[in-house]
């Protein structure tokens, strides 16, 4: 295997981190000129939910990799 026995942990860490950081950046810095059909700002409740879920997934993966 490429990363050995920890491949699933590394993938979960990467995806959870990307989910949390991406949604956080969308809240902090929304697009300047939205295209047709795009929202001006992302919905706050959805973004906060995705940040929490991504952070929990990344934390779980980090604990699994360290432990």
PDB file of N, CA and C in Angstrom:
ATOM      1  N   UNK A   1       0.831  -1.185   0.000  1.00  0.00           N
ATOM      2  CA  UNK A   1       0.000   0.000   0.000  1.00  0.00           C
ATOM      3  C   UNK A   1       0.877   1.252   0.000  1.00  0.00           C
ATOM      4  N   UNK A   2       0.314   2.329  -0.491  1.00  0.00           N
ATOM      5  CA  UNK A   2       1.095   3.564  -0.626  1.00  0.00           C
ATOM      6  C   UNK A   2       1.512   4.105   0.737  1.00  0.00           C
ATOM      7  N   UNK A   3       0.581   4.287   1.640  1.00  0.00           N
ATOM      8  CA  UNK A   3       0.892   4.837   2.961  1.00  0.00           C
ATOM      9  C   UNK A   3       0.775   3.784   4.052  1.00  0.00           C
ATOM     10  N   UNK A   4       0.775   2.539   3.677  1.00  0.00           N
ATOM     11  CA  UNK A   4       0.724   1.476   4.665  1.00  0.00           C
ATOM     12  C   UNK A   4      -0.666   1.274   5.222  1.00  0.00           C
ATOM     13  N   UNK A   5      -0.739   0.913   6.477  1.00  0.00           N
ATOM     14  CA  UNK A   5      -2.007   0.602   7.130  1.00  0.00           C
ATOM     15  C   UNK A   5      -2.822   1.849   7.477  1.00  0.00           C
ATOM     16  N   UNK A   6      -2.231   3.024   7.393  1.00  0.00           N
ATOM     17  CA  UNK A   6      -2.887   4.259   7.837  1.00  0.00           C
ATOM     18  C   UNK A   6      -3.509   5.068   6.705  1.00  0.00           C
ATOM     19  N   UNK A   7      -3.720   4.468   5.564  1.00  0.00           N
ATOM     20  CA  UNK A   7      -4.235   5.215   4.410  1.00  0.00           C
ATOM     21  C   UNK A   7      -5.599   5.831   4.696  1.00  0.00           C
ATOM     22  N   UNK A   8      -6.503   5.093   5.298  1.00  0.00           N
ATOM     23  CA  UNK A   8      -7.840   5.606   5.583  1.00  0.00           C
ATOM     24  C   UNK A   8      -7.787   6.771   6.578  1.00  0.00           C
ATOM     25  N   UNK A   9      -6.920   6.686   7.561  1.00  0.00           N
ATOM     26  CA  UNK A   9      -6.758   7.780   8.521  1.00  0.00           C
ATOM     27  C   UNK A   9      -6.244   9.047   7.861  1.00  0.00           C
ATOM     28  N   UNK A  10      -5.266   8.899   6.964  1.00  0.00           N
ATOM     29  CA  UNK A  10      -4.723  10.065   6.267  1.00  0.00           C
ATOM     30  C   UNK A  10      -5.765  10.692   5.341  1.00  0.00           C
ATOM     31  N   UNK A  11      -6.543   9.857   4.668  1.00  0.00           N
ATOM     32  CA  UNK A  11      -7.587  10.387   3.790  1.00  0.00           C
ATOM     33  C   UNK A  11      -8.669  11.112   4.589  1.00  0.00           C
ATOM     34  N   UNK A  12      -9.055  10.559   5.715  1.00  0.00           N
ATOM     35  CA  UNK A  12     -10.060  11.205   6.555  1.00  0.00           C
ATOM     36  C   UNK A  12      -9.534  12.519   7.115  1.00  0.00           C
ATOM     37  N   UNK A  13      -8.280  12.563   7.485  1.00  0.00           N
ATOM     38  CA  UNK A  13      -7.670  13.803   7.969  1.00  0.00           C
ATOM     39  C   UNK A  13      -7.661  14.868   6.874  1.00  0.00           C
ATOM     40  N   UNK A  14      -7.302  14.479   5.672  1.00  0.00           N
ATOM     41  CA  UNK A  14      -7.246  15.439   4.563  1.00  0.00           C
ATOM     42  C   UNK A  14      -8.631  15.948   4.195  1.00  0.00           C
ATOM     43  N   UNK A  15      -9.594  15.057   4.083  1.00  0.00           N
ATOM     44  CA  UNK A  15     -10.940  15.479   3.690  1.00  0.00           C
ATOM     45  C   UNK A  15     -11.636  16.298   4.773  1.00  0.00           C
ATOM     46  N   UNK A  16     -11.482  15.893   6.030  1.00  0.00           N
ATOM     47  CA  UNK A  16     -12.081  16.655   7.118  1.00  0.00           C
ATOM     48  C   UNK A  16     -11.478  18.050   7.245  1.00  0.00           C
ATOM     49  N   UNK A  17     -10.161  18.126   7.106  1.00  0.00           N
ATOM     50  CA  UNK A  17      -9.488  19.428   7.179  1.00  0.00           C
ATOM     51  C   UNK A  17      -9.907  20.330   6.023  1.00  0.00           C
ATOM     52  N   UNK A  18      -9.980  19.760   4.827  1.00  0.00           N
ATOM     53  CA  UNK A  18     -10.378  20.549   3.664  1.00  0.00           C
ATOM     54  C   UNK A  18     -11.818  21.042   3.809  1.00  0.00           C
ATOM     55  N   UNK A  19     -12.677  20.206   4.365  1.00  0.00           N
ATOM     56  CA  UNK A  19     -14.071  20.591   4.560  1.00  0.00           C
ATOM     57  C   UNK A  19     -14.183  21.750   5.552  1.00  0.00           C
ATOM     58  N   UNK A  20     -13.446  21.663   6.641  1.00  0.00           N
ATOM     59  CA  UNK A  20     -13.511  22.709   7.663  1.00  0.00           C
ATOM     60  C   UNK A  20     -12.872  24.007   7.167  1.00  0.00           C
ATOM     61  N   UNK A  21     -11.702  23.924   6.579  1.00  0.00           N
ATOM     62  CA  UNK A  21     -10.995  25.132   6.139  1.00  0.00           C
ATOM     63  C   UNK A  21     -11.714  25.791   4.963  1.00  0.00           C
ATOM     64  N   UNK A  22     -12.183  24.995   4.018  1.00  0.00           N
ATOM     65  CA  UNK A  22     -12.875  25.558   2.854  1.00  0.00           C
ATOM     66  C   UNK A  22     -14.135  26.313   3.226  1.00  0.00           C
ATOM     67  N   UNK A  23     -14.927  25.747   4.108  1.00  0.00           N
ATOM     68  CA  UNK A  23     -16.149  26.436   4.524  1.00  0.00           C
ATOM     69  C   UNK A  23     -15.844  27.630   5.406  1.00  0.00           C
ATOM     70  N   UNK A  24     -14.800  27.542   6.205  1.00  0.00           N
ATOM     71  CA  UNK A  24     -14.396  28.691   7.008  1.00  0.00           C
ATOM     72  C   UNK A  24     -13.955  29.859   6.132  1.00  0.00           C
ATOM     73  N   UNK A  25     -13.195  29.547   5.092  1.00  0.00           N
ATOM     74  CA  UNK A  25     -12.751  30.607   4.187  1.00  0.00           C
ATOM     75  C   UNK A  25     -13.924  31.195   3.390  1.00  0.00           C
ATOM     76  N   UNK A  26     -14.918  30.375   3.077  1.00  0.00           N
ATOM     77  CA  UNK A  26     -16.094  30.895   2.368  1.00  0.00           C
ATOM     78  C   UNK A  26     -16.880  31.859   3.242  1.00  0.00           C
ATOM     79  N   UNK A  27     -16.873  31.630   4.554  1.00  0.00           N
ATOM     80  CA  UNK A  27     -17.549  32.564   5.454  1.00  0.00           C
ATOM     81  C   UNK A  27     -16.744  33.841   5.649  1.00  0.00           C
ATOM     82  N   UNK A  28     -15.439  33.683   5.793  1.00  0.00           N
ATOM     83  CA  UNK A  28     -14.588  34.842   6.056  1.00  0.00           C
ATOM     84  C   UNK A  28     -14.447  35.714   4.821  1.00  0.00           C
ATOM     85  N   UNK A  29     -14.280  35.076   3.661  1.00  0.00           N
ATOM     86  CA  UNK A  29     -14.021  35.832   2.438  1.00  0.00           C
ATOM     87  C   UNK A  29     -14.901  35.312   1.300  1.00  0.00           C
ATOM     88  N   UNK A  30     -16.140  35.794   1.210  1.00  0.00           N
ATOM     89  CA  UNK A  30     -17.028  35.342   0.134  1.00  0.00           C
ATOM     90  C   UNK A  30     -16.553  35.878  -1.216  1.00  0.00           C
ATOM     91  N   UNK A  31     -17.044  35.316  -2.316  1.00  0.00           N
ATOM     92  CA  UNK A  31     -16.616  35.792  -3.640  1.00  0.00           C
ATOM     93  C   UNK A  31     -17.016  37.249  -3.872  1.00  0.00           C
ATOM     94  N   UNK A  32     -16.154  37.963  -4.568  1.00  0.00           N
ATOM     95  CA  UNK A  32     -16.420  39.390  -4.802  1.00  0.00           C
ATOM     96  C   UNK A  32     -17.568  39.593  -5.779  1.00  0.00           C
ATOM     97  N   UNK A  33     -17.521  38.903  -6.883  1.00  0.00           N
ATOM     98  CA  UNK A  33     -18.578  39.028  -7.884  1.00  0.00           C
ATOM     99  C   UNK A  33     -19.160  37.645  -8.140  1.00  0.00           C
ATOM    100  N   UNK A  34     -20.314  37.371  -7.559  1.00  0.00           N
ATOM    101  CA  UNK A  34     -20.922  36.049  -7.781  1.00  0.00           C
ATOM    102  C   UNK A  34     -21.375  35.880  -9.226  1.00  0.00           C
ATOM    103  N   UNK A  35     -21.168  34.667  -9.757  1.00  0.00           N
ATOM    104  CA  UNK A  35     -21.627  34.350 -11.105  1.00  0.00           C
ATOM    105  C   UNK A  35     -23.140  34.163 -11.097  1.00  0.00           C
ATOM    106  N   UNK A  36     -23.704  33.973 -12.259  1.00  0.00           N
ATOM    107  CA  UNK A  36     -25.151  33.738 -12.350  1.00  0.00           C
ATOM    108  C   UNK A  36     -25.525  32.477 -11.603  1.00  0.00           C
ATOM    109  N   UNK A  37     -26.470  32.584 -10.697  1.00  0.00           N
ATOM    110  CA  UNK A  37     -26.935  31.429  -9.936  1.00  0.00           C
ATOM    111  C   UNK A  37     -26.189  31.208  -8.636  1.00  0.00           C
ATOM    112  N   UNK A  38     -25.070  31.876  -8.431  1.00  0.00           N
ATOM    113  CA  UNK A  38     -24.325  31.720  -7.188  1.00  0.00           C
ATOM    114  C   UNK A  38     -24.904  32.629  -6.107  1.00  0.00           C
ATOM    115  N   UNK A  39     -24.717  32.218  -4.867  1.00  0.00           N
ATOM    116  CA  UNK A  39     -25.163  33.038  -3.747  1.00  0.00           C
ATOM    117  C   UNK A  39     -24.133  34.121  -3.464  1.00  0.00           C
ATOM    118  N   UNK A  40     -24.598  35.232  -2.916  1.00  0.00           N
ATOM    119  CA  UNK A  40     -23.675  36.307  -2.567  1.00  0.00           C
ATOM    120  C   UNK A  40     -22.818  35.903  -1.368  1.00  0.00           C
ATOM    121  N   UNK A  41     -23.450  35.290  -0.376  1.00  0.00           N
ATOM    122  CA  UNK A  41     -22.748  34.745   0.793  1.00  0.00           C
ATOM    123  C   UNK A  41     -23.278  33.336   1.030  1.00  0.00           C
ATOM    124  N   UNK A  42     -22.433  32.443   1.524  1.00  0.00           N
ATOM    125  CA  UNK A  42     -22.942  31.098   1.823  1.00  0.00           C
ATOM    126  C   UNK A  42     -23.858  31.138   3.054  1.00  0.00           C
ATOM    127  N   UNK A  43     -24.820  30.230   3.132  1.00  0.00           N
ATOM    128  CA  UNK A  43     -25.671  30.176   4.322  1.00  0.00           C
ATOM    129  C   UNK A  43     -24.844  29.870   5.572  1.00  0.00           C
ATOM    130  N   UNK A  44     -25.020  30.674   6.602  1.00  0.00           N
ATOM    131  CA  UNK A  44     -24.182  30.554   7.799  1.00  0.00           C
ATOM    132  C   UNK A  44     -24.415  29.239   8.514  1.00  0.00           C
ATOM    133  N   UNK A  45     -25.676  28.810   8.655  1.00  0.00           N
ATOM    134  CA  UNK A  45     -25.953  27.575   9.400  1.00  0.00           C
ATOM    135  C   UNK A  45     -25.323  26.369   8.714  1.00  0.00           C
ATOM    136  N   UNK A  46     -25.369  26.337   7.379  1.00  0.00           N
ATOM    137  CA  UNK A  46     -24.780  25.216   6.651  1.00  0.00           C
ATOM    138  C   UNK A  46     -23.260  25.221   6.773  1.00  0.00           C
ATOM    139  N   UNK A  47     -22.660  26.398   6.660  1.00  0.00           N
ATOM    140  CA  UNK A  47     -21.211  26.490   6.752  1.00  0.00           C
ATOM    141  C   UNK A  47     -20.705  26.108   8.141  1.00  0.00           C
ATOM    142  N   UNK A  48     -21.401  26.564   9.175  1.00  0.00           N
ATOM    143  CA  UNK A  48     -20.991  26.214  10.539  1.00  0.00           C
ATOM    144  C   UNK A  48     -21.134  24.714  10.777  1.00  0.00           C
ATOM    145  N   UNK A  49     -22.207  24.121  10.262  1.00  0.00           N
ATOM    146  CA  UNK A  49     -22.392  22.680  10.383  1.00  0.00           C
ATOM    147  C   UNK A  49     -21.260  21.925   9.695  1.00  0.00           C
ATOM    148  N   UNK A  50     -20.888  22.335   8.493  1.00  0.00           N
ATOM    149  CA  UNK A  50     -19.803  21.670   7.765  1.00  0.00           C
ATOM    150  C   UNK A  50     -18.452  21.884   8.449  1.00  0.00           C
ATOM    151  N   UNK A  51     -18.251  23.051   9.040  1.00  0.00           N
ATOM    152  CA  UNK A  51     -17.001  23.294   9.773  1.00  0.00           C
ATOM    153  C   UNK A  51     -16.911  22.362  10.975  1.00  0.00           C
ATOM    154  N   UNK A  52     -18.009  22.213  11.705  1.00  0.00           N
ATOM    155  CA  UNK A  52     -18.022  21.335  12.878  1.00  0.00           C
ATOM    156  C   UNK A  52     -17.805  19.880  12.459  1.00  0.00           C
ATOM    157  N   UNK A  53     -18.525  19.428  11.427  1.00  0.00           N
ATOM    158  CA  UNK A  53     -18.357  18.040  10.975  1.00  0.00           C
ATOM    159  C   UNK A  53     -16.950  17.772  10.441  1.00  0.00           C
ATOM    160  N   UNK A  54     -16.409  18.691   9.677  1.00  0.00           N
ATOM    161  CA  UNK A  54     -15.048  18.532   9.162  1.00  0.00           C
ATOM    162  C   UNK A  54     -14.013  18.528  10.269  1.00  0.00           C
ATOM    163  N   UNK A  55     -14.204  19.380  11.263  1.00  0.00           N
ATOM    164  CA  UNK A  55     -13.272  19.425  12.392  1.00  0.00           C
ATOM    165  C   UNK A  55     -13.329  18.139  13.211  1.00  0.00           C
ATOM    166  N   UNK A  56     -14.544  17.625  13.418  1.00  0.00           N
ATOM    167  CA  UNK A  56     -14.674  16.362  14.152  1.00  0.00           C
ATOM    168  C   UNK A  56     -14.024  15.209  13.394  1.00  0.00           C
ATOM    169  N   UNK A  57     -14.210  15.160  12.090  1.00  0.00           N
ATOM    170  CA  UNK A  57     -13.601  14.100  11.285  1.00  0.00           C
ATOM    171  C   UNK A  57     -12.082  14.205  11.315  1.00  0.00           C
ATOM    172  N   UNK A  58     -11.559  15.424  11.191  1.00  0.00           N
ATOM    173  CA  UNK A  58     -10.110  15.609  11.217  1.00  0.00           C
ATOM    174  C   UNK A  58      -9.541  15.276  12.591  1.00  0.00           C
ATOM    175  N   UNK A  59     -10.238  15.651  13.648  1.00  0.00           N
ATOM    176  CA  UNK A  59      -9.781  15.343  14.996  1.00  0.00           C
ATOM    177  C   UNK A  59      -9.788  13.838  15.243  1.00  0.00           C
ATOM    178  N   UNK A  60     -10.837  13.178  14.808  1.00  0.00           N
ATOM    179  CA  UNK A  60     -10.941  11.728  14.942  1.00  0.00           C
ATOM    180  C   UNK A  60      -9.786  11.038  14.198  1.00  0.00           C
ATOM    181  N   UNK A  61      -9.505  11.490  12.981  1.00  0.00           N
ATOM    182  CA  UNK A  61      -8.414  10.914  12.193  1.00  0.00           C
ATOM    183  C   UNK A  61      -7.070  11.176  12.859  1.00  0.00           C
ATOM    184  N   UNK A  62      -6.870  12.365  13.396  1.00  0.00           N
ATOM    185  CA  UNK A  62      -5.614  12.687  14.054  1.00  0.00           C
ATOM    186  C   UNK A  62      -5.400  11.837  15.296  1.00  0.00           C
ATOM    187  N   UNK A  63      -6.443  11.644  16.074  1.00  0.00           N
ATOM    188  CA  UNK A  63      -6.345  10.782  17.257  1.00  0.00           C
ATOM    189  C   UNK A  63      -6.048   9.340  16.854  1.00  0.00           C
ATOM    190  N   UNK A  64      -6.679   8.889  15.768  1.00  0.00           N
ATOM    191  CA  UNK A  64      -6.439   7.528  15.273  1.00  0.00           C
ATOM    192  C   UNK A  64      -4.999   7.363  14.802  1.00  0.00           C
ATOM    193  N   UNK A  65      -4.463   8.354  14.114  1.00  0.00           N
ATOM    194  CA  UNK A  65      -3.104   8.255  13.602  1.00  0.00           C
ATOM    195  C   UNK A  65      -2.059   8.330  14.719  1.00  0.00           C
ATOM    196  N   UNK A  66      -2.322   9.149  15.722  1.00  0.00           N
ATOM    197  CA  UNK A  66      -1.348   9.306  16.812  1.00  0.00           C
ATOM    198  C   UNK A  66      -1.412   8.103  17.755  1.00  0.00           C
ATOM    199  N   UNK A  67      -2.629   7.610  18.014  1.00  0.00           N
ATOM    200  CA  UNK A  67      -2.816   6.534  18.985  1.00  0.00           C
ATOM    201  C   UNK A  67      -2.470   5.171  18.491  1.00  0.00           C
TER     202      UNK A  67
END
